[in-house]
């Protein structure tokens, strides 16, 4: 006598369609990013412009190195700082806003087009989807930051070697400066993802990035009030400024400047909080 075994439709579907692996989620996110050519072209263009800005800054300084300005009474003699000019703030700002915008677009772009519904219908595991986005965007922006930082440092110091003011990567704080200059790029991309998940609007996300990266530091500067300075020194771009500071230069730091370890921790906290906010918001809010 034969018996019949009843199989639930859910079980049959599971047997036919296995749960996607994390590598599958990464591949899917890569296809989404690659299909939007404007996004990675913007990052690539920003990287090239950032390198060009650093190289041009040092090239323009060669005249001043050959003919240094006259020493003023009461001031120390002129001393050129290859780190300050070779890893300039302008290039750093350009890369951070490009990376932050890329991170925000990868999140709010799917909500705007409605693609996020299809994504979560195919993969209900929202944490897995966000983890794939974080790893992909973080990896791409980290690569871009590393390229800009390394190419800028080695190229500019090769130019300065003939003037005997170039630095080696093993000298002083050079390695730390190069790493920090590269690390801030993926951190800002993750912050952009968090703002994109919170606001889900293109203009609001980009404006929020500009406020956080460039406007807030203007409100928390100076040495008059320590509590204001403490807040300002723990903003994202302030960390890279402290980590790329060259103590052998003629410039000085603030009275209440954070330690190097404190700046590294602050940068890591910004990245961790950004990822946590993105995961929590995407999991708990409806699409």
C-alpha atoms as a PDB file:
ATOM      1  CA  UNK A   1       0.000   0.000   0.000  1.00  0.00           C
ATOM      2  CA  UNK A   2       1.508   3.311  -1.030  1.00  0.00           C
ATOM      3  CA  UNK A   3       1.358   6.492   0.985  1.00  0.00           C
ATOM      4  CA  UNK A   4       1.312  10.073  -0.168  1.00  0.00           C
ATOM      5  CA  UNK A   5       3.468  12.763   1.362  1.00  0.00           C
ATOM      6  CA  UNK A   6       2.084  16.256   1.320  1.00  0.00           C
ATOM      7  CA  UNK A   7       4.657  19.021   0.790  1.00  0.00           C
ATOM      8  CA  UNK A   8       3.809  22.559   1.736  1.00  0.00           C
ATOM      9  CA  UNK A   9       4.194  25.137  -1.030  1.00  0.00           C
ATOM     10  CA  UNK A  10       6.698  27.072   1.095  1.00  0.00           C
ATOM     11  CA  UNK A  11       8.863  24.005   1.518  1.00  0.00           C
ATOM     12  CA  UNK A  12       8.700  23.214  -2.183  1.00  0.00           C
ATOM     13  CA  UNK A  13       9.686  26.774  -3.048  1.00  0.00           C
ATOM     14  CA  UNK A  14      12.585  26.590  -0.606  1.00  0.00           C
ATOM     15  CA  UNK A  15      13.771  23.359  -2.152  1.00  0.00           C
ATOM     16  CA  UNK A  16      13.648  24.840  -5.634  1.00  0.00           C
ATOM     17  CA  UNK A  17      14.972  28.292  -4.735  1.00  0.00           C
ATOM     18  CA  UNK A  18      17.755  28.106  -2.148  1.00  0.00           C
ATOM     19  CA  UNK A  19      18.469  31.162  -0.056  1.00  0.00           C
ATOM     20  CA  UNK A  20      20.915  33.496  -1.783  1.00  0.00           C
ATOM     21  CA  UNK A  21      24.472  33.419  -0.539  1.00  0.00           C
ATOM     22  CA  UNK A  22      26.278  36.551   0.543  1.00  0.00           C
ATOM     23  CA  UNK A  23      28.407  36.397  -2.589  1.00  0.00           C
ATOM     24  CA  UNK A  24      25.178  36.479  -4.618  1.00  0.00           C
ATOM     25  CA  UNK A  25      24.105  39.622  -2.768  1.00  0.00           C
ATOM     26  CA  UNK A  26      27.479  41.212  -3.488  1.00  0.00           C
ATOM     27  CA  UNK A  27      27.146  40.321  -7.164  1.00  0.00           C
ATOM     28  CA  UNK A  28      23.648  41.817  -7.280  1.00  0.00           C
ATOM     29  CA  UNK A  29      24.805  45.061  -5.659  1.00  0.00           C
ATOM     30  CA  UNK A  30      27.729  45.238  -8.049  1.00  0.00           C
ATOM     31  CA  UNK A  31      25.356  44.897 -11.027  1.00  0.00           C
ATOM     32  CA  UNK A  32      23.188  47.722  -9.646  1.00  0.00           C
ATOM     33  CA  UNK A  33      26.198  49.988  -9.184  1.00  0.00           C
ATOM     34  CA  UNK A  34      27.697  49.114 -12.556  1.00  0.00           C
ATOM     35  CA  UNK A  35      24.405  49.824 -14.322  1.00  0.00           C
ATOM     36  CA  UNK A  36      24.534  53.417 -13.047  1.00  0.00           C
ATOM     37  CA  UNK A  37      27.621  54.564 -14.896  1.00  0.00           C
ATOM     38  CA  UNK A  38      27.342  58.138 -13.691  1.00  0.00           C
ATOM     39  CA  UNK A  39      27.970  57.092 -10.075  1.00  0.00           C
ATOM     40  CA  UNK A  40      31.327  55.402 -10.454  1.00  0.00           C
ATOM     41  CA  UNK A  41      32.393  57.797 -13.196  1.00  0.00           C
ATOM     42  CA  UNK A  42      31.896  60.645 -10.747  1.00  0.00           C
ATOM     43  CA  UNK A  43      34.095  58.867  -8.193  1.00  0.00           C
ATOM     44  CA  UNK A  44      36.749  58.118 -10.815  1.00  0.00           C
ATOM     45  CA  UNK A  45      36.717  61.693 -12.075  1.00  0.00           C
ATOM     46  CA  UNK A  46      36.901  63.050  -8.523  1.00  0.00           C
ATOM     47  CA  UNK A  47      39.923  60.824  -7.862  1.00  0.00           C
ATOM     48  CA  UNK A  48      41.741  62.093 -10.946  1.00  0.00           C
ATOM     49  CA  UNK A  49      40.955  65.713 -10.117  1.00  0.00           C
ATOM     50  CA  UNK A  50      42.070  65.231  -6.500  1.00  0.00           C
ATOM     51  CA  UNK A  51      45.431  63.828  -7.623  1.00  0.00           C
ATOM     52  CA  UNK A  52      45.828  66.648 -10.141  1.00  0.00           C
ATOM     53  CA  UNK A  53      45.090  69.268  -7.486  1.00  0.00           C
ATOM     54  CA  UNK A  54      47.737  67.858  -5.146  1.00  0.00           C
ATOM     55  CA  UNK A  55      50.353  67.604  -7.881  1.00  0.00           C
ATOM     56  CA  UNK A  56      49.609  71.092  -9.171  1.00  0.00           C
ATOM     57  CA  UNK A  57      49.813  72.530  -5.646  1.00  0.00           C
ATOM     58  CA  UNK A  58      53.316  71.156  -5.132  1.00  0.00           C
ATOM     59  CA  UNK A  59      54.399  72.090  -8.648  1.00  0.00           C
ATOM     60  CA  UNK A  60      53.299  75.671  -8.003  1.00  0.00           C
ATOM     61  CA  UNK A  61      55.313  75.719  -4.779  1.00  0.00           C
ATOM     62  CA  UNK A  62      58.609  74.846  -6.446  1.00  0.00           C
ATOM     63  CA  UNK A  63      59.256  78.526  -7.148  1.00  0.00           C
ATOM     64  CA  UNK A  64      58.811  79.404  -3.473  1.00  0.00           C
ATOM     65  CA  UNK A  65      61.076  76.552  -2.455  1.00  0.00           C
ATOM     66  CA  UNK A  66      63.803  77.780  -4.812  1.00  0.00           C
ATOM     67  CA  UNK A  67      63.310  81.366  -3.662  1.00  0.00           C
ATOM     68  CA  UNK A  68      61.960  81.249  -0.093  1.00  0.00           C
ATOM     69  CA  UNK A  69      60.425  84.424   1.323  1.00  0.00           C
ATOM     70  CA  UNK A  70      62.554  86.649   3.523  1.00  0.00           C
ATOM     71  CA  UNK A  71      62.503  85.798   7.214  1.00  0.00           C
ATOM     72  CA  UNK A  72      60.457  88.234   9.258  1.00  0.00           C
ATOM     73  CA  UNK A  73      61.740  89.373  12.673  1.00  0.00           C
ATOM     74  CA  UNK A  74      60.371  87.217  15.470  1.00  0.00           C
ATOM     75  CA  UNK A  75      59.249  84.425  13.145  1.00  0.00           C
ATOM     76  CA  UNK A  76      60.958  81.058  12.562  1.00  0.00           C
ATOM     77  CA  UNK A  77      62.693  80.465   9.215  1.00  0.00           C
ATOM     78  CA  UNK A  78      60.620  79.243   6.276  1.00  0.00           C
ATOM     79  CA  UNK A  79      60.166  75.464   6.328  1.00  0.00           C
ATOM     80  CA  UNK A  80      58.241  73.693   3.578  1.00  0.00           C
ATOM     81  CA  UNK A  81      55.808  70.956   4.674  1.00  0.00           C
ATOM     82  CA  UNK A  82      55.394  68.290   1.950  1.00  0.00           C
ATOM     83  CA  UNK A  83      52.549  66.585   3.822  1.00  0.00           C
ATOM     84  CA  UNK A  84      50.428  69.716   4.100  1.00  0.00           C
ATOM     85  CA  UNK A  85      50.834  70.606   0.426  1.00  0.00           C
ATOM     86  CA  UNK A  86      51.007  67.099  -1.071  1.00  0.00           C
ATOM     87  CA  UNK A  87      47.916  65.865   0.797  1.00  0.00           C
ATOM     88  CA  UNK A  88      45.872  69.038   0.562  1.00  0.00           C
ATOM     89  CA  UNK A  89      42.558  69.796   2.215  1.00  0.00           C
ATOM     90  CA  UNK A  90      40.931  70.690  -1.104  1.00  0.00           C
ATOM     91  CA  UNK A  91      41.493  67.218  -2.523  1.00  0.00           C
ATOM     92  CA  UNK A  92      40.326  65.654   0.720  1.00  0.00           C
ATOM     93  CA  UNK A  93      37.095  67.664   0.632  1.00  0.00           C
ATOM     94  CA  UNK A  94      36.516  66.719  -2.991  1.00  0.00           C
ATOM     95  CA  UNK A  95      36.928  63.010  -2.309  1.00  0.00           C
ATOM     96  CA  UNK A  96      34.793  63.020   0.818  1.00  0.00           C
ATOM     97  CA  UNK A  97      31.837  64.757  -0.818  1.00  0.00           C
ATOM     98  CA  UNK A  98      32.099  62.462  -3.861  1.00  0.00           C
ATOM     99  CA  UNK A  99      32.251  59.340  -1.677  1.00  0.00           C
ATOM    100  CA  UNK A 100      29.467  60.566   0.605  1.00  0.00           C
ATOM    101  CA  UNK A 101      27.243  61.305  -2.377  1.00  0.00           C
ATOM    102  CA  UNK A 102      27.942  57.857  -3.825  1.00  0.00           C
ATOM    103  CA  UNK A 103      27.019  56.206  -0.534  1.00  0.00           C
ATOM    104  CA  UNK A 104      23.803  58.191  -0.274  1.00  0.00           C
ATOM    105  CA  UNK A 105      22.788  57.486  -3.878  1.00  0.00           C
ATOM    106  CA  UNK A 106      23.110  53.724  -3.442  1.00  0.00           C
ATOM    107  CA  UNK A 107      20.450  53.866  -0.721  1.00  0.00           C
ATOM    108  CA  UNK A 108      17.984  56.634  -1.565  1.00  0.00           C
ATOM    109  CA  UNK A 109      18.240  55.818  -5.274  1.00  0.00           C
ATOM    110  CA  UNK A 110      16.570  52.455  -4.731  1.00  0.00           C
ATOM    111  CA  UNK A 111      13.798  54.015  -2.652  1.00  0.00           C
ATOM    112  CA  UNK A 112      13.208  56.701  -5.276  1.00  0.00           C
ATOM    113  CA  UNK A 113      12.890  54.228  -8.146  1.00  0.00           C
ATOM    114  CA  UNK A 114      11.034  51.593  -6.133  1.00  0.00           C
ATOM    115  CA  UNK A 115      13.755  49.027  -6.812  1.00  0.00           C
ATOM    116  CA  UNK A 116      14.067  48.444  -3.072  1.00  0.00           C
ATOM    117  CA  UNK A 117      10.696  46.629  -3.066  1.00  0.00           C
ATOM    118  CA  UNK A 118      11.927  44.189  -5.688  1.00  0.00           C
ATOM    119  CA  UNK A 119      15.160  43.695  -3.785  1.00  0.00           C
ATOM    120  CA  UNK A 120      13.465  42.870  -0.482  1.00  0.00           C
ATOM    121  CA  UNK A 121      10.871  40.695  -2.217  1.00  0.00           C
ATOM    122  CA  UNK A 122      13.688  38.589  -3.659  1.00  0.00           C
ATOM    123  CA  UNK A 123      15.830  38.763  -0.507  1.00  0.00           C
ATOM    124  CA  UNK A 124      13.818  39.270   2.705  1.00  0.00           C
ATOM    125  CA  UNK A 125      17.038  39.377   4.733  1.00  0.00           C
ATOM    126  CA  UNK A 126      17.465  43.143   4.867  1.00  0.00           C
ATOM    127  CA  UNK A 127      20.578  42.928   7.016  1.00  0.00           C
ATOM    128  CA  UNK A 128      22.264  40.824   4.360  1.00  0.00           C
ATOM    129  CA  UNK A 129      21.381  43.323   1.642  1.00  0.00           C
ATOM    130  CA  UNK A 130      22.723  46.255   3.659  1.00  0.00           C
ATOM    131  CA  UNK A 131      25.847  44.313   4.600  1.00  0.00           C
ATOM    132  CA  UNK A 132      26.519  43.698   0.902  1.00  0.00           C
ATOM    133  CA  UNK A 133      26.002  47.398   0.134  1.00  0.00           C
ATOM    134  CA  UNK A 134      28.324  48.435   2.959  1.00  0.00           C
ATOM    135  CA  UNK A 135      31.059  46.044   1.897  1.00  0.00           C
ATOM    136  CA  UNK A 136      30.830  46.993  -1.766  1.00  0.00           C
ATOM    137  CA  UNK A 137      30.668  50.772  -1.327  1.00  0.00           C
ATOM    138  CA  UNK A 138      33.207  50.712   1.485  1.00  0.00           C
ATOM    139  CA  UNK A 139      35.602  48.640  -0.592  1.00  0.00           C
ATOM    140  CA  UNK A 140      35.292  50.748  -3.734  1.00  0.00           C
ATOM    141  CA  UNK A 141      35.704  54.059  -1.917  1.00  0.00           C
ATOM    142  CA  UNK A 142      38.570  52.665   0.164  1.00  0.00           C
ATOM    143  CA  UNK A 143      40.336  51.696  -3.061  1.00  0.00           C
ATOM    144  CA  UNK A 144      39.743  55.165  -4.502  1.00  0.00           C
ATOM    145  CA  UNK A 145      41.024  56.794  -1.318  1.00  0.00           C
ATOM    146  CA  UNK A 146      44.118  54.591  -1.267  1.00  0.00           C
ATOM    147  CA  UNK A 147      44.916  55.391  -4.904  1.00  0.00           C
ATOM    148  CA  UNK A 148      44.534  59.145  -4.407  1.00  0.00           C
ATOM    149  CA  UNK A 149      46.543  59.136  -1.186  1.00  0.00           C
ATOM    150  CA  UNK A 150      49.388  56.928  -2.405  1.00  0.00           C
ATOM    151  CA  UNK A 151      49.723  58.489  -5.858  1.00  0.00           C
ATOM    152  CA  UNK A 152      49.605  62.010  -4.423  1.00  0.00           C
ATOM    153  CA  UNK A 153      52.210  61.287  -1.753  1.00  0.00           C
ATOM    154  CA  UNK A 154      54.743  59.444  -3.895  1.00  0.00           C
ATOM    155  CA  UNK A 155      54.379  61.724  -6.916  1.00  0.00           C
ATOM    156  CA  UNK A 156      54.668  64.990  -5.012  1.00  0.00           C
ATOM    157  CA  UNK A 157      57.602  63.813  -2.941  1.00  0.00           C
ATOM    158  CA  UNK A 158      59.351  62.567  -6.066  1.00  0.00           C
ATOM    159  CA  UNK A 159      58.956  66.104  -7.434  1.00  0.00           C
ATOM    160  CA  UNK A 160      60.366  67.549  -4.205  1.00  0.00           C
ATOM    161  CA  UNK A 161      63.323  65.168  -4.064  1.00  0.00           C
ATOM    162  CA  UNK A 162      65.326  67.398  -6.411  1.00  0.00           C
ATOM    163  CA  UNK A 163      64.863  70.241  -3.902  1.00  0.00           C
ATOM    164  CA  UNK A 164      65.939  67.980  -1.028  1.00  0.00           C
ATOM    165  CA  UNK A 165      62.699  68.505   0.878  1.00  0.00           C
ATOM    166  CA  UNK A 166      60.892  65.334  -0.154  1.00  0.00           C
ATOM    167  CA  UNK A 167      59.855  62.751   2.411  1.00  0.00           C
ATOM    168  CA  UNK A 168      59.952  58.971   2.477  1.00  0.00           C
ATOM    169  CA  UNK A 169      56.949  56.890   3.485  1.00  0.00           C
ATOM    170  CA  UNK A 170      58.973  55.567   6.420  1.00  0.00           C
ATOM    171  CA  UNK A 171      59.815  59.020   7.794  1.00  0.00           C
ATOM    172  CA  UNK A 172      57.999  60.476  10.762  1.00  0.00           C
ATOM    173  CA  UNK A 173      54.220  60.441  10.460  1.00  0.00           C
ATOM    174  CA  UNK A 174      54.110  59.922   6.683  1.00  0.00           C
ATOM    175  CA  UNK A 175      52.631  56.419   6.757  1.00  0.00           C
ATOM    176  CA  UNK A 176      49.989  57.478   9.274  1.00  0.00           C
ATOM    177  CA  UNK A 177      49.103  60.507   7.155  1.00  0.00           C
ATOM    178  CA  UNK A 178      48.749  58.461   3.981  1.00  0.00           C
ATOM    179  CA  UNK A 179      46.554  55.882   5.723  1.00  0.00           C
ATOM    180  CA  UNK A 180      44.338  58.517   7.334  1.00  0.00           C
ATOM    181  CA  UNK A 181      43.996  60.441   4.066  1.00  0.00           C
ATOM    182  CA  UNK A 182      42.756  57.231   2.432  1.00  0.00           C
ATOM    183  CA  UNK A 183      40.597  56.003   5.335  1.00  0.00           C
ATOM    184  CA  UNK A 184      38.421  59.108   5.568  1.00  0.00           C
ATOM    185  CA  UNK A 185      37.001  58.421   2.085  1.00  0.00           C
ATOM    186  CA  UNK A 186      35.142  55.152   2.915  1.00  0.00           C
ATOM    187  CA  UNK A 187      34.107  56.585   6.285  1.00  0.00           C
ATOM    188  CA  UNK A 188      32.355  59.463   4.525  1.00  0.00           C
ATOM    189  CA  UNK A 189      30.772  57.023   2.077  1.00  0.00           C
ATOM    190  CA  UNK A 190      29.246  55.103   5.005  1.00  0.00           C
ATOM    191  CA  UNK A 191      28.011  58.363   6.530  1.00  0.00           C
ATOM    192  CA  UNK A 192      26.391  59.147   3.197  1.00  0.00           C
ATOM    193  CA  UNK A 193      24.627  55.767   3.244  1.00  0.00           C
ATOM    194  CA  UNK A 194      23.243  56.504   6.712  1.00  0.00           C
ATOM    195  CA  UNK A 195      21.928  59.913   5.633  1.00  0.00           C
ATOM    196  CA  UNK A 196      20.442  58.390   2.486  1.00  0.00           C
ATOM    197  CA  UNK A 197      18.610  55.778   4.565  1.00  0.00           C
ATOM    198  CA  UNK A 198      17.336  58.376   7.037  1.00  0.00           C
ATOM    199  CA  UNK A 199      16.208  61.045   4.562  1.00  0.00           C
ATOM    200  CA  UNK A 200      15.476  59.047   1.381  1.00  0.00           C
ATOM    201  CA  UNK A 201      15.752  62.211  -0.673  1.00  0.00           C
ATOM    202  CA  UNK A 202      18.534  63.289  -3.015  1.00  0.00           C
ATOM    203  CA  UNK A 203      18.686  66.995  -2.230  1.00  0.00           C
ATOM    204  CA  UNK A 204      18.218  66.548   1.521  1.00  0.00           C
ATOM    205  CA  UNK A 205      20.971  63.903   1.673  1.00  0.00           C
ATOM    206  CA  UNK A 206      23.539  65.954  -0.255  1.00  0.00           C
ATOM    207  CA  UNK A 207      22.750  69.131   1.684  1.00  0.00           C
ATOM    208  CA  UNK A 208      23.100  67.218   4.957  1.00  0.00           C
ATOM    209  CA  UNK A 209      26.499  65.949   3.843  1.00  0.00           C
ATOM    210  CA  UNK A 210      27.656  69.496   3.096  1.00  0.00           C
ATOM    211  CA  UNK A 211      26.372  70.717   6.468  1.00  0.00           C
ATOM    212  CA  UNK A 212      28.092  67.924   8.364  1.00  0.00           C
ATOM    213  CA  UNK A 213      31.400  68.040   6.504  1.00  0.00           C
ATOM    214  CA  UNK A 214      31.872  71.762   5.902  1.00  0.00           C
ATOM    215  CA  UNK A 215      29.403  73.983   7.785  1.00  0.00           C
ATOM    216  CA  UNK A 216      29.431  72.426  11.263  1.00  0.00           C
ATOM    217  CA  UNK A 217      33.245  72.674  11.587  1.00  0.00           C
ATOM    218  CA  UNK A 218      32.916  76.446  11.135  1.00  0.00           C
ATOM    219  CA  UNK A 219      30.569  76.596  14.121  1.00  0.00           C
ATOM    220  CA  UNK A 220      32.834  74.575  16.423  1.00  0.00           C
ATOM    221  CA  UNK A 221      36.236  76.103  15.837  1.00  0.00           C
ATOM    222  CA  UNK A 222      38.630  78.318  17.762  1.00  0.00           C
ATOM    223  CA  UNK A 223      40.295  77.911  21.142  1.00  0.00           C
ATOM    224  CA  UNK A 224      38.168  80.220  23.241  1.00  0.00           C
ATOM    225  CA  UNK A 225      35.757  77.581  24.540  1.00  0.00           C
ATOM    226  CA  UNK A 226      37.070  74.113  25.124  1.00  0.00           C
ATOM    227  CA  UNK A 227      33.705  72.367  24.853  1.00  0.00           C
ATOM    228  CA  UNK A 228      33.150  73.886  21.404  1.00  0.00           C
ATOM    229  CA  UNK A 229      36.604  72.792  20.325  1.00  0.00           C
ATOM    230  CA  UNK A 230      36.042  69.269  21.655  1.00  0.00           C
ATOM    231  CA  UNK A 231      32.907  68.906  19.550  1.00  0.00           C
ATOM    232  CA  UNK A 232      34.598  70.300  16.459  1.00  0.00           C
ATOM    233  CA  UNK A 233      37.655  68.074  16.824  1.00  0.00           C
ATOM    234  CA  UNK A 234      35.442  64.976  16.761  1.00  0.00           C
ATOM    235  CA  UNK A 235      33.719  65.780  13.485  1.00  0.00           C
ATOM    236  CA  UNK A 236      34.679  63.505  10.559  1.00  0.00           C
ATOM    237  CA  UNK A 237      37.045  65.754   8.613  1.00  0.00           C
ATOM    238  CA  UNK A 238      38.709  67.077  11.781  1.00  0.00           C
ATOM    239  CA  UNK A 239      40.064  63.588  12.451  1.00  0.00           C
ATOM    240  CA  UNK A 240      41.985  63.398   9.208  1.00  0.00           C
ATOM    241  CA  UNK A 241      43.358  66.884   9.806  1.00  0.00           C
ATOM    242  CA  UNK A 242      44.824  65.747  13.125  1.00  0.00           C
ATOM    243  CA  UNK A 243      46.178  62.473  11.744  1.00  0.00           C
ATOM    244  CA  UNK A 244      47.936  64.154   8.810  1.00  0.00           C
ATOM    245  CA  UNK A 245      49.500  66.864  10.982  1.00  0.00           C
ATOM    246  CA  UNK A 246      53.274  66.963  10.668  1.00  0.00           C
ATOM    247  CA  UNK A 247      54.922  67.881  14.006  1.00  0.00           C
ATOM    248  CA  UNK A 248      58.123  68.772  12.152  1.00  0.00           C
ATOM    249  CA  UNK A 249      56.394  71.604  10.299  1.00  0.00           C
ATOM    250  CA  UNK A 250      56.317  75.238  11.375  1.00  0.00           C
ATOM    251  CA  UNK A 251      52.585  75.080  12.187  1.00  0.00           C
ATOM    252  CA  UNK A 252      51.191  74.259  15.619  1.00  0.00           C
ATOM    253  CA  UNK A 253      48.113  72.411  16.815  1.00  0.00           C
ATOM    254  CA  UNK A 254      45.381  73.688  19.068  1.00  0.00           C
ATOM    255  CA  UNK A 255      45.766  73.712  22.846  1.00  0.00           C
ATOM    256  CA  UNK A 256      43.074  71.044  23.165  1.00  0.00           C
ATOM    257  CA  UNK A 257      43.924  69.009  20.095  1.00  0.00           C
ATOM    258  CA  UNK A 258      42.926  65.322  20.485  1.00  0.00           C
ATOM    259  CA  UNK A 259      45.530  62.596  20.578  1.00  0.00           C
ATOM    260  CA  UNK A 260      46.336  60.454  17.573  1.00  0.00           C
ATOM    261  CA  UNK A 261      44.626  57.441  19.148  1.00  0.00           C
ATOM    262  CA  UNK A 262      41.565  59.515  19.939  1.00  0.00           C
ATOM    263  CA  UNK A 263      41.318  60.631  16.311  1.00  0.00           C
ATOM    264  CA  UNK A 264      41.582  57.053  15.028  1.00  0.00           C
ATOM    265  CA  UNK A 265      38.884  55.944  17.466  1.00  0.00           C
ATOM    266  CA  UNK A 266      36.648  58.847  16.453  1.00  0.00           C
ATOM    267  CA  UNK A 267      36.976  57.935  12.789  1.00  0.00           C
ATOM    268  CA  UNK A 268      36.106  54.324  13.551  1.00  0.00           C
ATOM    269  CA  UNK A 269      33.114  55.337  15.682  1.00  0.00           C
ATOM    270  CA  UNK A 270      31.723  57.464  12.853  1.00  0.00           C
ATOM    271  CA  UNK A 271      31.947  54.481  10.496  1.00  0.00           C
ATOM    272  CA  UNK A 272      30.410  52.032  12.993  1.00  0.00           C
ATOM    273  CA  UNK A 273      27.545  54.374  13.927  1.00  0.00           C
ATOM    274  CA  UNK A 274      26.824  55.072  10.253  1.00  0.00           C
ATOM    275  CA  UNK A 275      26.555  51.352   9.479  1.00  0.00           C
ATOM    276  CA  UNK A 276      24.387  50.738  12.547  1.00  0.00           C
ATOM    277  CA  UNK A 277      22.029  53.591  11.646  1.00  0.00           C
ATOM    278  CA  UNK A 278      21.695  52.323   8.084  1.00  0.00           C
ATOM    279  CA  UNK A 279      20.883  48.775   9.205  1.00  0.00           C
ATOM    280  CA  UNK A 280      18.376  49.832  11.869  1.00  0.00           C
ATOM    281  CA  UNK A 281      16.560  52.329   9.664  1.00  0.00           C
ATOM    282  CA  UNK A 282      16.279  49.998   6.679  1.00  0.00           C
ATOM    283  CA  UNK A 283      15.088  47.096   8.826  1.00  0.00           C
ATOM    284  CA  UNK A 284      12.430  48.989  10.764  1.00  0.00           C
ATOM    285  CA  UNK A 285      11.002  51.413   8.219  1.00  0.00           C
ATOM    286  CA  UNK A 286       8.580  50.357   5.520  1.00  0.00           C
ATOM    287  CA  UNK A 287       9.601  50.596   1.899  1.00  0.00           C
END
